[in-house]
C-alpha cells in the first residue's frame, strides 16, 4: 500500500463519547479505563488484546488504535448499535507520530505483524484492507485472512491528540442530529456505506 492510498484513519466510537474524546483525545484502552465512558469493545477481543505486547514496544492496551478502514468486521458486529455510533476521521499525518506501529491485521489476532510506521505500509495490501466483503464461502483460510486484513490498525502510544480529528461519519439523519447536538463544531456527514 502506498501512503497516498490512506486518505484518513477511522475510530469507531459511541456518539455519547465524542465530547470526552475531543477534550482528552483518543486514548489507549488503559488510559480510557480511568475515565467514565460508554465502552463498545467486545470483551472476548479485549481479553486477547490484554495478553498481547507489541514486539519491541508496549502492551497492546497501552496504544490508542485506529482502523485504516472503518467498514470492517467490528462495524458489522455492531450493526444493532449503528444509530448510536460514529466514525471519527483522523488525518493520515498520525502515521508519523513517535512510536507509531502498523498492525497488518486486527492486532489481537495470531500471526499479526507489528511494523514500523510509516515504512510498514509497504507490507499491506490495499485490495485486502479495503475489500468490500471478506466473506468467502468454501475458502475459510481466505475468509480469515481478509477478515483480519480489513481490520488492520495503526497503533499510537497512549493517546492521539484531538487536533488530529477533522470530521466524522454517521449512519443516517437521526444519528447526524444526535452528533450535532453533542458536537456542533466538528464537521459530520452521513455515510451509510461505511456502516454496512
N, C-alpha and C. Protein backbone atom coordinates (compact mmCIF):
# COMPACT_ATOMS: atom_id res chain seq x y z
N UNK A 1 0.85 -1.18 0.00
CA UNK A 1 0.00 0.00 0.00
C UNK A 1 0.89 1.24 0.00
N UNK A 2 0.48 2.22 -0.77
CA UNK A 2 1.19 3.49 -0.83
C UNK A 2 0.57 4.47 0.15
N UNK A 3 1.36 5.39 0.63
CA UNK A 3 0.86 6.39 1.57
C UNK A 3 -0.29 7.19 0.96
N UNK A 4 -0.22 7.46 -0.32
CA UNK A 4 -1.27 8.24 -0.99
C UNK A 4 -2.62 7.51 -1.00
N UNK A 5 -2.62 6.20 -0.69
CA UNK A 5 -3.85 5.43 -0.65
C UNK A 5 -4.52 5.46 0.73
N UNK A 6 -3.95 6.24 1.65
CA UNK A 6 -4.51 6.35 3.00
C UNK A 6 -4.97 7.79 3.21
N UNK A 7 -6.21 8.12 2.82
CA UNK A 7 -6.68 9.50 2.95
C UNK A 7 -7.04 9.89 4.38
N UNK A 8 -7.33 8.88 5.23
CA UNK A 8 -7.73 9.14 6.61
C UNK A 8 -7.73 7.82 7.38
N UNK A 9 -7.73 7.94 8.70
CA UNK A 9 -7.91 6.79 9.58
C UNK A 9 -9.26 6.91 10.26
N UNK A 10 -9.75 5.78 10.81
CA UNK A 10 -11.07 5.75 11.41
C UNK A 10 -11.03 5.25 12.85
N UNK A 11 -11.86 5.87 13.67
CA UNK A 11 -12.04 5.43 15.06
C UNK A 11 -13.53 5.29 15.29
N UNK A 12 -13.98 4.08 15.58
CA UNK A 12 -15.40 3.82 15.83
C UNK A 12 -15.70 4.15 17.29
N UNK A 13 -16.70 5.01 17.50
CA UNK A 13 -16.99 5.46 18.87
C UNK A 13 -18.48 5.71 19.05
N UNK A 14 -18.96 5.55 20.28
CA UNK A 14 -20.33 5.99 20.57
C UNK A 14 -20.42 7.51 20.42
N UNK A 15 -21.48 7.99 19.85
CA UNK A 15 -21.68 9.43 19.74
C UNK A 15 -21.61 10.07 21.12
N UNK A 16 -22.09 9.38 22.13
CA UNK A 16 -22.09 9.91 23.50
C UNK A 16 -20.69 10.19 24.04
N UNK A 17 -19.67 9.57 23.47
CA UNK A 17 -18.29 9.77 23.95
C UNK A 17 -17.54 10.88 23.23
N UNK A 18 -18.13 11.45 22.19
CA UNK A 18 -17.37 12.38 21.34
C UNK A 18 -16.90 13.60 22.11
N UNK A 19 -17.72 14.16 22.96
CA UNK A 19 -17.30 15.33 23.75
C UNK A 19 -16.06 15.04 24.57
N UNK A 20 -16.03 13.89 25.23
CA UNK A 20 -14.88 13.49 26.03
C UNK A 20 -13.65 13.25 25.14
N UNK A 21 -13.87 12.63 23.98
CA UNK A 21 -12.75 12.37 23.07
C UNK A 21 -12.14 13.68 22.59
N UNK A 22 -12.96 14.65 22.27
CA UNK A 22 -12.43 15.93 21.81
C UNK A 22 -11.70 16.67 22.93
N UNK A 23 -12.06 16.39 24.16
CA UNK A 23 -11.37 17.01 25.30
C UNK A 23 -10.07 16.27 25.65
N UNK A 24 -10.11 14.94 25.67
CA UNK A 24 -8.97 14.15 26.16
C UNK A 24 -8.16 13.48 25.06
N UNK A 25 -8.69 13.41 23.84
CA UNK A 25 -8.04 12.69 22.76
C UNK A 25 -8.56 11.27 22.66
N UNK A 26 -8.10 10.55 21.65
CA UNK A 26 -8.40 9.12 21.51
C UNK A 26 -7.38 8.40 22.37
N UNK A 27 -7.85 7.73 23.40
CA UNK A 27 -6.97 7.16 24.41
C UNK A 27 -6.77 5.66 24.24
N UNK A 28 -5.66 5.18 24.75
CA UNK A 28 -5.44 3.74 24.83
C UNK A 28 -6.49 3.13 25.74
N UNK A 29 -6.66 1.82 25.63
CA UNK A 29 -7.62 1.12 26.49
C UNK A 29 -7.32 1.39 27.96
N UNK A 30 -6.06 1.32 28.34
CA UNK A 30 -5.69 1.52 29.75
C UNK A 30 -5.96 2.94 30.22
N UNK A 31 -5.70 3.94 29.39
CA UNK A 31 -5.98 5.32 29.80
C UNK A 31 -7.48 5.60 29.80
N UNK A 32 -8.20 5.06 28.83
CA UNK A 32 -9.65 5.28 28.78
C UNK A 32 -10.35 4.69 30.00
N UNK A 33 -9.77 3.61 30.55
CA UNK A 33 -10.37 2.96 31.72
C UNK A 33 -10.43 3.89 32.93
N UNK A 34 -9.63 4.93 32.94
CA UNK A 34 -9.61 5.88 34.05
C UNK A 34 -10.74 6.91 33.98
N UNK A 35 -11.41 6.97 32.81
CA UNK A 35 -12.47 7.95 32.60
C UNK A 35 -13.82 7.25 32.47
N UNK A 36 -14.85 7.96 32.85
CA UNK A 36 -16.21 7.44 32.63
C UNK A 36 -16.51 7.54 31.14
N UNK A 37 -16.89 6.40 30.54
CA UNK A 37 -17.22 6.41 29.11
C UNK A 37 -18.07 5.19 28.78
N UNK A 38 -18.73 5.25 27.65
CA UNK A 38 -19.51 4.13 27.14
C UNK A 38 -18.55 3.23 26.38
N UNK A 39 -18.44 1.98 26.79
CA UNK A 39 -17.49 1.04 26.18
C UNK A 39 -18.23 0.11 25.23
N UNK A 40 -17.85 0.16 23.95
CA UNK A 40 -18.49 -0.70 22.95
C UNK A 40 -17.58 -1.84 22.51
N UNK A 41 -16.42 -1.95 23.15
CA UNK A 41 -15.49 -3.01 22.77
C UNK A 41 -16.08 -4.37 23.11
N UNK A 42 -15.57 -5.40 22.45
CA UNK A 42 -16.06 -6.76 22.65
C UNK A 42 -15.18 -7.45 23.70
N UNK A 43 -15.76 -7.93 24.79
CA UNK A 43 -14.98 -8.49 25.89
C UNK A 43 -14.02 -9.61 25.48
N UNK A 44 -14.44 -10.49 24.58
CA UNK A 44 -13.55 -11.59 24.18
C UNK A 44 -12.32 -11.07 23.44
N UNK A 45 -12.52 -10.04 22.60
CA UNK A 45 -11.39 -9.44 21.89
C UNK A 45 -10.49 -8.71 22.88
N UNK A 46 -11.10 -8.02 23.84
CA UNK A 46 -10.28 -7.28 24.82
C UNK A 46 -9.46 -8.22 25.70
N UNK A 47 -9.99 -9.39 25.99
CA UNK A 47 -9.20 -10.38 26.76
C UNK A 47 -7.97 -10.80 25.98
N UNK A 48 -8.12 -11.00 24.67
CA UNK A 48 -6.96 -11.36 23.85
C UNK A 48 -5.98 -10.20 23.77
N UNK A 49 -6.50 -9.00 23.60
CA UNK A 49 -5.62 -7.83 23.50
C UNK A 49 -4.87 -7.59 24.80
N UNK A 50 -5.49 -7.90 25.92
CA UNK A 50 -4.84 -7.71 27.23
C UNK A 50 -3.60 -8.57 27.39
N UNK A 51 -3.53 -9.67 26.65
CA UNK A 51 -2.39 -10.59 26.74
C UNK A 51 -1.28 -10.25 25.74
N UNK A 52 -1.54 -9.30 24.84
CA UNK A 52 -0.59 -9.02 23.75
C UNK A 52 0.36 -7.90 24.11
N UNK A 53 1.55 -8.04 23.57
CA UNK A 53 2.56 -7.00 23.67
C UNK A 53 3.07 -6.75 22.26
N UNK A 54 3.26 -5.50 21.90
CA UNK A 54 3.81 -5.16 20.59
C UNK A 54 5.30 -5.45 20.62
N UNK A 55 5.77 -6.19 19.65
CA UNK A 55 7.18 -6.58 19.61
C UNK A 55 8.06 -5.32 19.67
N UNK A 56 8.91 -5.26 20.69
CA UNK A 56 9.79 -4.11 20.87
C UNK A 56 9.10 -2.87 21.41
N UNK A 57 7.84 -3.02 21.82
CA UNK A 57 7.08 -1.86 22.27
C UNK A 57 6.35 -2.09 23.57
N UNK A 58 5.17 -1.51 23.68
CA UNK A 58 4.36 -1.53 24.89
C UNK A 58 3.35 -2.67 24.85
N UNK A 59 2.63 -2.81 25.95
CA UNK A 59 1.47 -3.70 25.96
C UNK A 59 0.46 -3.14 24.96
N UNK A 60 -0.26 -4.01 24.28
CA UNK A 60 -1.21 -3.56 23.26
C UNK A 60 -2.24 -2.60 23.85
N UNK A 61 -2.65 -2.81 25.08
CA UNK A 61 -3.64 -1.94 25.71
C UNK A 61 -3.08 -0.56 26.07
N UNK A 62 -1.78 -0.35 25.83
CA UNK A 62 -1.19 0.98 26.05
C UNK A 62 -1.11 1.79 24.76
N UNK A 63 -1.71 1.29 23.70
CA UNK A 63 -1.77 2.01 22.43
C UNK A 63 -3.20 2.44 22.14
N UNK A 64 -3.34 3.67 21.64
CA UNK A 64 -4.60 4.09 21.04
C UNK A 64 -4.62 3.50 19.64
N UNK A 65 -5.75 2.96 19.23
CA UNK A 65 -5.78 2.28 17.94
C UNK A 65 -6.80 2.89 16.97
N UNK A 66 -6.37 2.93 15.72
CA UNK A 66 -7.21 3.43 14.63
C UNK A 66 -7.30 2.35 13.56
N UNK A 67 -8.40 2.34 12.84
CA UNK A 67 -8.53 1.44 11.69
C UNK A 67 -8.16 2.20 10.42
N UNK A 68 -7.56 1.48 9.48
CA UNK A 68 -7.40 2.02 8.13
C UNK A 68 -8.77 2.10 7.47
N UNK A 69 -9.63 1.15 7.78
CA UNK A 69 -10.93 1.02 7.12
C UNK A 69 -12.01 0.76 8.17
N UNK A 70 -12.83 1.76 8.42
CA UNK A 70 -13.91 1.60 9.39
C UNK A 70 -15.02 0.67 8.93
N UNK A 71 -15.04 0.37 7.65
CA UNK A 71 -16.04 -0.56 7.11
C UNK A 71 -15.47 -1.97 7.27
N UNK A 72 -15.57 -2.49 8.48
CA UNK A 72 -14.87 -3.74 8.81
C UNK A 72 -15.73 -4.67 9.66
N UNK A 73 -15.11 -5.72 10.15
CA UNK A 73 -15.85 -6.73 10.92
C UNK A 73 -16.44 -6.19 12.21
N UNK A 74 -15.72 -5.29 12.89
CA UNK A 74 -16.28 -4.72 14.12
C UNK A 74 -17.54 -3.93 13.80
N UNK A 75 -17.49 -3.13 12.73
CA UNK A 75 -18.67 -2.36 12.36
C UNK A 75 -19.84 -3.29 12.03
N UNK A 76 -19.55 -4.39 11.36
CA UNK A 76 -20.60 -5.35 11.03
C UNK A 76 -21.21 -5.96 12.29
N UNK A 77 -20.37 -6.26 13.27
CA UNK A 77 -20.87 -6.85 14.52
C UNK A 77 -21.67 -5.86 15.36
N UNK A 78 -21.43 -4.58 15.13
CA UNK A 78 -22.12 -3.54 15.90
C UNK A 78 -23.37 -3.01 15.19
N UNK A 79 -23.84 -3.73 14.17
CA UNK A 79 -24.99 -3.28 13.38
C UNK A 79 -26.19 -2.83 14.23
N UNK A 80 -26.56 -3.57 15.29
CA UNK A 80 -27.71 -3.11 16.09
C UNK A 80 -27.50 -1.74 16.76
N UNK A 81 -26.25 -1.31 16.89
CA UNK A 81 -25.95 -0.05 17.57
C UNK A 81 -25.62 1.09 16.60
N UNK A 82 -25.73 0.87 15.31
CA UNK A 82 -25.27 1.87 14.34
C UNK A 82 -25.83 3.27 14.58
N UNK A 83 -27.07 3.37 14.99
CA UNK A 83 -27.68 4.70 15.19
C UNK A 83 -27.02 5.47 16.32
N UNK A 84 -26.31 4.76 17.21
CA UNK A 84 -25.65 5.40 18.36
C UNK A 84 -24.16 5.62 18.13
N UNK A 85 -23.65 5.19 16.97
CA UNK A 85 -22.21 5.22 16.72
C UNK A 85 -21.82 6.27 15.68
N UNK A 86 -20.56 6.64 15.71
CA UNK A 86 -19.97 7.47 14.67
C UNK A 86 -18.58 6.92 14.35
N UNK A 87 -18.05 7.36 13.25
CA UNK A 87 -16.66 7.09 12.91
C UNK A 87 -15.96 8.43 12.90
N UNK A 88 -14.98 8.58 13.78
CA UNK A 88 -14.19 9.80 13.78
C UNK A 88 -13.11 9.68 12.71
N UNK A 89 -12.93 10.73 11.95
CA UNK A 89 -11.97 10.76 10.84
C UNK A 89 -10.69 11.44 11.32
N UNK A 90 -9.58 10.76 11.13
CA UNK A 90 -8.29 11.22 11.66
C UNK A 90 -7.33 11.42 10.49
N UNK A 91 -6.60 12.53 10.51
CA UNK A 91 -5.68 12.85 9.42
C UNK A 91 -4.57 11.80 9.31
N UNK A 92 -4.10 11.52 8.09
CA UNK A 92 -3.06 10.50 7.91
C UNK A 92 -1.70 10.89 8.48
N UNK A 93 -1.52 12.14 8.88
CA UNK A 93 -0.25 12.57 9.48
C UNK A 93 0.09 11.76 10.73
N UNK A 94 -0.90 11.11 11.35
CA UNK A 94 -0.62 10.32 12.55
C UNK A 94 0.33 9.16 12.26
N UNK A 95 0.49 8.80 10.99
CA UNK A 95 1.47 7.77 10.62
C UNK A 95 2.88 8.12 11.10
N UNK A 96 3.14 9.42 11.25
CA UNK A 96 4.48 9.90 11.59
C UNK A 96 4.67 10.20 13.07
N UNK A 97 3.67 9.92 13.90
CA UNK A 97 3.81 10.19 15.33
C UNK A 97 4.86 9.27 15.93
N UNK A 98 5.61 9.76 16.93
CA UNK A 98 6.64 8.92 17.56
C UNK A 98 6.06 7.62 18.12
N UNK A 99 6.72 6.51 17.81
CA UNK A 99 6.31 5.22 18.32
C UNK A 99 5.16 4.57 17.59
N UNK A 100 4.69 5.19 16.48
CA UNK A 100 3.56 4.63 15.73
C UNK A 100 3.92 3.26 15.16
N UNK A 101 2.97 2.35 15.25
CA UNK A 101 3.16 0.97 14.80
C UNK A 101 1.96 0.58 13.93
N UNK A 102 2.23 -0.12 12.85
CA UNK A 102 1.18 -0.63 11.97
C UNK A 102 0.99 -2.11 12.27
N UNK A 103 -0.25 -2.52 12.49
CA UNK A 103 -0.59 -3.94 12.63
C UNK A 103 -1.21 -4.37 11.30
N UNK A 104 -0.68 -5.41 10.68
CA UNK A 104 -1.13 -5.79 9.34
C UNK A 104 -2.52 -6.43 9.33
N UNK A 105 -3.08 -6.65 10.50
CA UNK A 105 -4.44 -7.17 10.66
C UNK A 105 -4.92 -6.77 12.04
N UNK A 106 -6.07 -7.22 12.45
CA UNK A 106 -6.52 -6.94 13.81
C UNK A 106 -5.40 -7.33 14.77
N UNK A 107 -5.00 -6.40 15.62
CA UNK A 107 -3.82 -6.61 16.46
C UNK A 107 -3.98 -7.71 17.48
N UNK A 108 -5.19 -8.19 17.72
CA UNK A 108 -5.40 -9.27 18.68
C UNK A 108 -5.19 -10.65 18.06
N UNK A 109 -5.07 -10.70 16.72
CA UNK A 109 -5.01 -11.99 16.04
C UNK A 109 -3.64 -12.66 16.16
N UNK A 110 -3.67 -13.97 16.04
CA UNK A 110 -2.42 -14.73 15.95
C UNK A 110 -1.72 -14.33 14.65
N UNK A 111 -0.42 -14.38 14.66
CA UNK A 111 0.42 -14.13 13.48
C UNK A 111 0.36 -12.69 12.98
N UNK A 112 -0.16 -11.76 13.80
CA UNK A 112 -0.14 -10.36 13.40
C UNK A 112 1.31 -9.89 13.28
N UNK A 113 1.55 -9.06 12.28
CA UNK A 113 2.86 -8.43 12.14
C UNK A 113 2.76 -7.00 12.65
N UNK A 114 3.66 -6.62 13.54
CA UNK A 114 3.75 -5.25 14.01
C UNK A 114 4.91 -4.60 13.25
N UNK A 115 4.61 -3.54 12.52
CA UNK A 115 5.55 -2.93 11.60
C UNK A 115 5.78 -1.46 11.95
N UNK A 116 6.99 -1.01 11.76
CA UNK A 116 7.31 0.39 11.99
C UNK A 116 6.51 1.27 11.02
N UNK A 117 6.00 2.37 11.53
CA UNK A 117 5.25 3.30 10.69
C UNK A 117 6.15 4.48 10.32
N UNK A 118 6.04 4.98 9.10
CA UNK A 118 5.13 4.60 8.02
C UNK A 118 5.67 3.52 7.08
N UNK A 119 6.93 3.10 7.26
CA UNK A 119 7.54 2.16 6.32
C UNK A 119 6.72 0.88 6.17
N UNK A 120 6.06 0.44 7.24
CA UNK A 120 5.29 -0.80 7.22
C UNK A 120 4.11 -0.79 6.27
N UNK A 121 3.71 0.39 5.78
CA UNK A 121 2.62 0.45 4.81
C UNK A 121 2.89 -0.45 3.61
N UNK A 122 4.15 -0.55 3.23
CA UNK A 122 4.53 -1.34 2.05
C UNK A 122 4.15 -2.81 2.20
N UNK A 123 3.98 -3.28 3.43
CA UNK A 123 3.64 -4.68 3.67
C UNK A 123 2.12 -4.94 3.60
N UNK A 124 1.32 -3.87 3.53
CA UNK A 124 -0.13 -4.03 3.50
C UNK A 124 -0.63 -4.08 2.06
N UNK A 125 -1.65 -4.87 1.84
CA UNK A 125 -2.30 -4.95 0.54
C UNK A 125 -3.53 -4.04 0.55
N UNK A 126 -3.53 -3.02 -0.28
CA UNK A 126 -4.67 -2.11 -0.36
C UNK A 126 -5.95 -2.89 -0.67
N UNK A 127 -5.87 -3.83 -1.60
CA UNK A 127 -7.04 -4.61 -2.02
C UNK A 127 -7.63 -5.41 -0.86
N UNK A 128 -6.79 -5.90 0.05
CA UNK A 128 -7.29 -6.68 1.19
C UNK A 128 -7.80 -5.78 2.31
N UNK A 129 -7.08 -4.71 2.61
CA UNK A 129 -7.50 -3.81 3.70
C UNK A 129 -8.82 -3.12 3.36
N UNK A 130 -9.03 -2.82 2.09
CA UNK A 130 -10.25 -2.11 1.68
C UNK A 130 -11.20 -3.01 0.89
N UNK A 131 -11.16 -4.31 1.14
CA UNK A 131 -12.03 -5.26 0.46
C UNK A 131 -13.49 -4.94 0.79
N UNK A 132 -14.36 -5.09 -0.19
CA UNK A 132 -15.79 -4.81 0.03
C UNK A 132 -16.44 -5.90 0.87
N UNK A 133 -16.01 -7.15 0.69
CA UNK A 133 -16.55 -8.24 1.50
C UNK A 133 -15.44 -9.24 1.79
N UNK A 134 -15.38 -9.65 3.05
CA UNK A 134 -14.38 -10.65 3.46
C UNK A 134 -15.01 -12.05 3.56
N UNK A 135 -16.27 -12.17 3.17
CA UNK A 135 -16.96 -13.46 3.20
C UNK A 135 -16.58 -14.24 1.93
N UNK A 136 -16.01 -15.43 2.15
CA UNK A 136 -15.55 -16.27 1.04
C UNK A 136 -16.06 -17.70 1.24
N UNK A 137 -17.30 -17.98 0.85
CA UNK A 137 -17.84 -19.33 1.04
C UNK A 137 -16.93 -20.38 0.42
N UNK A 138 -16.64 -21.42 1.20
CA UNK A 138 -15.81 -22.51 0.71
C UNK A 138 -14.32 -22.28 0.81
N UNK A 139 -13.90 -21.09 1.27
CA UNK A 139 -12.47 -20.80 1.40
C UNK A 139 -12.23 -20.15 2.76
N UNK A 140 -12.23 -20.99 3.80
CA UNK A 140 -12.12 -20.49 5.17
C UNK A 140 -10.80 -19.76 5.41
N UNK A 141 -9.72 -20.25 4.82
CA UNK A 141 -8.41 -19.60 5.00
C UNK A 141 -8.44 -18.17 4.46
N UNK A 142 -8.95 -18.00 3.24
CA UNK A 142 -9.01 -16.66 2.64
C UNK A 142 -9.95 -15.76 3.43
N UNK A 143 -11.06 -16.31 3.89
CA UNK A 143 -12.02 -15.52 4.66
C UNK A 143 -11.38 -15.04 5.96
N UNK A 144 -10.62 -15.89 6.62
CA UNK A 144 -9.96 -15.50 7.86
C UNK A 144 -8.91 -14.41 7.58
N UNK A 145 -8.15 -14.59 6.49
CA UNK A 145 -7.11 -13.62 6.15
C UNK A 145 -7.72 -12.25 5.83
N UNK A 146 -8.78 -12.24 5.00
CA UNK A 146 -9.41 -10.98 4.64
C UNK A 146 -10.11 -10.33 5.83
N UNK A 147 -10.73 -11.15 6.67
CA UNK A 147 -11.39 -10.63 7.87
C UNK A 147 -10.42 -9.96 8.82
N UNK A 148 -9.19 -10.46 8.87
CA UNK A 148 -8.16 -9.83 9.69
C UNK A 148 -7.61 -8.58 9.03
N UNK A 149 -7.35 -8.67 7.71
CA UNK A 149 -6.74 -7.56 6.97
C UNK A 149 -7.63 -6.33 6.94
N UNK A 150 -8.94 -6.52 6.83
CA UNK A 150 -9.86 -5.39 6.78
C UNK A 150 -9.89 -4.64 8.12
N UNK A 151 -9.35 -5.28 9.16
CA UNK A 151 -9.24 -4.65 10.49
C UNK A 151 -7.81 -4.23 10.82
N UNK A 152 -6.97 -4.03 9.79
CA UNK A 152 -5.60 -3.54 10.02
C UNK A 152 -5.65 -2.25 10.84
N UNK A 153 -4.65 -2.06 11.68
CA UNK A 153 -4.68 -0.95 12.64
C UNK A 153 -3.41 -0.11 12.59
N UNK A 154 -3.56 1.14 12.99
CA UNK A 154 -2.43 1.99 13.33
C UNK A 154 -2.47 2.17 14.84
N UNK A 155 -1.37 1.89 15.50
CA UNK A 155 -1.28 1.96 16.95
C UNK A 155 -0.37 3.13 17.35
N UNK A 156 -0.87 3.97 18.25
CA UNK A 156 -0.12 5.14 18.72
C UNK A 156 0.02 5.03 20.24
N UNK A 157 1.24 5.17 20.76
CA UNK A 157 1.39 5.04 22.21
C UNK A 157 0.51 6.03 22.99
N UNK A 158 -0.27 5.48 23.89
CA UNK A 158 -1.04 6.20 24.91
C UNK A 158 -2.23 7.02 24.42
N UNK A 159 -2.00 7.98 23.51
CA UNK A 159 -3.14 8.81 23.09
C UNK A 159 -2.87 9.47 21.75
N UNK A 160 -3.97 9.81 21.09
CA UNK A 160 -3.93 10.58 19.85
C UNK A 160 -4.63 11.90 20.15
N UNK A 161 -3.92 12.97 20.07
CA UNK A 161 -4.48 14.28 20.38
C UNK A 161 -5.68 14.58 19.48
N UNK A 162 -6.67 15.23 20.04
CA UNK A 162 -7.90 15.52 19.28
C UNK A 162 -7.66 16.47 18.11
N UNK A 163 -6.52 17.17 18.09
CA UNK A 163 -6.25 18.07 16.96
C UNK A 163 -6.12 17.31 15.64
N UNK A 164 -5.91 15.99 15.70
CA UNK A 164 -5.80 15.18 14.50
C UNK A 164 -7.16 14.72 13.96
N UNK A 165 -8.22 14.97 14.72
CA UNK A 165 -9.58 14.59 14.29
C UNK A 165 -10.15 15.73 13.46
N UNK A 166 -10.55 15.44 12.22
CA UNK A 166 -11.03 16.52 11.36
C UNK A 166 -12.49 16.38 10.96
N UNK A 167 -13.15 15.30 11.36
CA UNK A 167 -14.54 15.15 10.99
C UNK A 167 -15.09 13.82 11.46
N UNK A 168 -16.31 13.51 11.04
CA UNK A 168 -16.96 12.28 11.47
C UNK A 168 -17.96 11.83 10.41
N UNK A 169 -18.27 10.53 10.48
CA UNK A 169 -19.34 9.94 9.67
C UNK A 169 -20.38 9.35 10.61
N UNK A 170 -21.63 9.42 10.19
CA UNK A 170 -22.72 8.74 10.90
C UNK A 170 -23.56 8.00 9.86
N UNK A 171 -24.50 7.19 10.36
CA UNK A 171 -25.27 6.28 9.52
C UNK A 171 -26.50 6.91 8.87
N UNK A 172 -27.07 7.93 9.49
CA UNK A 172 -28.31 8.49 8.95
C UNK A 172 -28.66 9.81 9.60
N UNK A 173 -29.80 10.34 9.24
CA UNK A 173 -30.21 11.66 9.71
C UNK A 173 -30.41 11.71 11.22
N UNK A 174 -30.99 10.67 11.81
CA UNK A 174 -31.19 10.65 13.25
C UNK A 174 -29.83 10.71 13.97
N UNK A 175 -28.88 9.93 13.50
CA UNK A 175 -27.54 9.94 14.09
C UNK A 175 -26.87 11.29 13.90
N UNK A 176 -27.07 11.90 12.74
CA UNK A 176 -26.49 13.21 12.48
C UNK A 176 -27.03 14.25 13.46
N UNK A 177 -28.32 14.20 13.72
CA UNK A 177 -28.92 15.13 14.69
C UNK A 177 -28.34 14.91 16.08
N UNK A 178 -28.17 13.64 16.47
CA UNK A 178 -27.57 13.34 17.78
C UNK A 178 -26.14 13.87 17.84
N UNK A 179 -25.39 13.62 16.77
CA UNK A 179 -23.99 14.06 16.75
C UNK A 179 -23.90 15.58 16.84
N UNK A 180 -24.70 16.28 16.06
CA UNK A 180 -24.66 17.74 16.07
C UNK A 180 -25.10 18.32 17.41
N UNK A 181 -25.94 17.58 18.14
CA UNK A 181 -26.32 18.00 19.48
C UNK A 181 -25.18 17.88 20.48
N UNK A 182 -24.30 16.89 20.26
CA UNK A 182 -23.16 16.66 21.14
C UNK A 182 -21.97 17.53 20.74
N UNK A 183 -21.77 17.66 19.44
CA UNK A 183 -20.57 18.35 18.95
C UNK A 183 -20.89 19.13 17.68
N UNK A 184 -21.49 20.30 17.81
CA UNK A 184 -21.89 21.05 16.63
C UNK A 184 -20.71 21.61 15.81
N UNK A 185 -19.54 21.70 16.41
CA UNK A 185 -18.40 22.34 15.73
C UNK A 185 -17.60 21.39 14.83
N UNK A 186 -17.75 20.06 15.01
CA UNK A 186 -16.97 19.11 14.21
C UNK A 186 -17.77 18.72 12.98
N UNK A 187 -17.22 18.91 11.78
CA UNK A 187 -17.95 18.53 10.57
C UNK A 187 -18.33 17.04 10.59
N UNK A 188 -19.57 16.75 10.25
CA UNK A 188 -20.09 15.39 10.26
C UNK A 188 -20.94 15.16 9.03
N UNK A 189 -20.76 14.00 8.41
CA UNK A 189 -21.52 13.69 7.20
C UNK A 189 -22.15 12.31 7.33
N UNK A 190 -23.25 12.13 6.65
CA UNK A 190 -23.89 10.81 6.56
C UNK A 190 -23.13 9.97 5.54
N UNK A 191 -22.73 8.79 5.95
CA UNK A 191 -22.03 7.85 5.06
C UNK A 191 -22.52 6.45 5.42
N UNK A 192 -23.71 6.11 4.93
CA UNK A 192 -24.30 4.82 5.31
C UNK A 192 -23.52 3.63 4.78
N UNK A 193 -22.76 3.80 3.71
CA UNK A 193 -21.99 2.69 3.14
C UNK A 193 -20.95 2.17 4.11
N UNK A 194 -20.30 3.04 4.83
CA UNK A 194 -19.24 2.61 5.74
C UNK A 194 -19.80 1.84 6.94
N UNK A 195 -21.08 2.02 7.21
CA UNK A 195 -21.74 1.32 8.31
C UNK A 195 -22.28 -0.05 7.88
N UNK A 196 -22.05 -0.42 6.63
CA UNK A 196 -22.52 -1.68 6.04
C UNK A 196 -23.76 -2.17 6.72
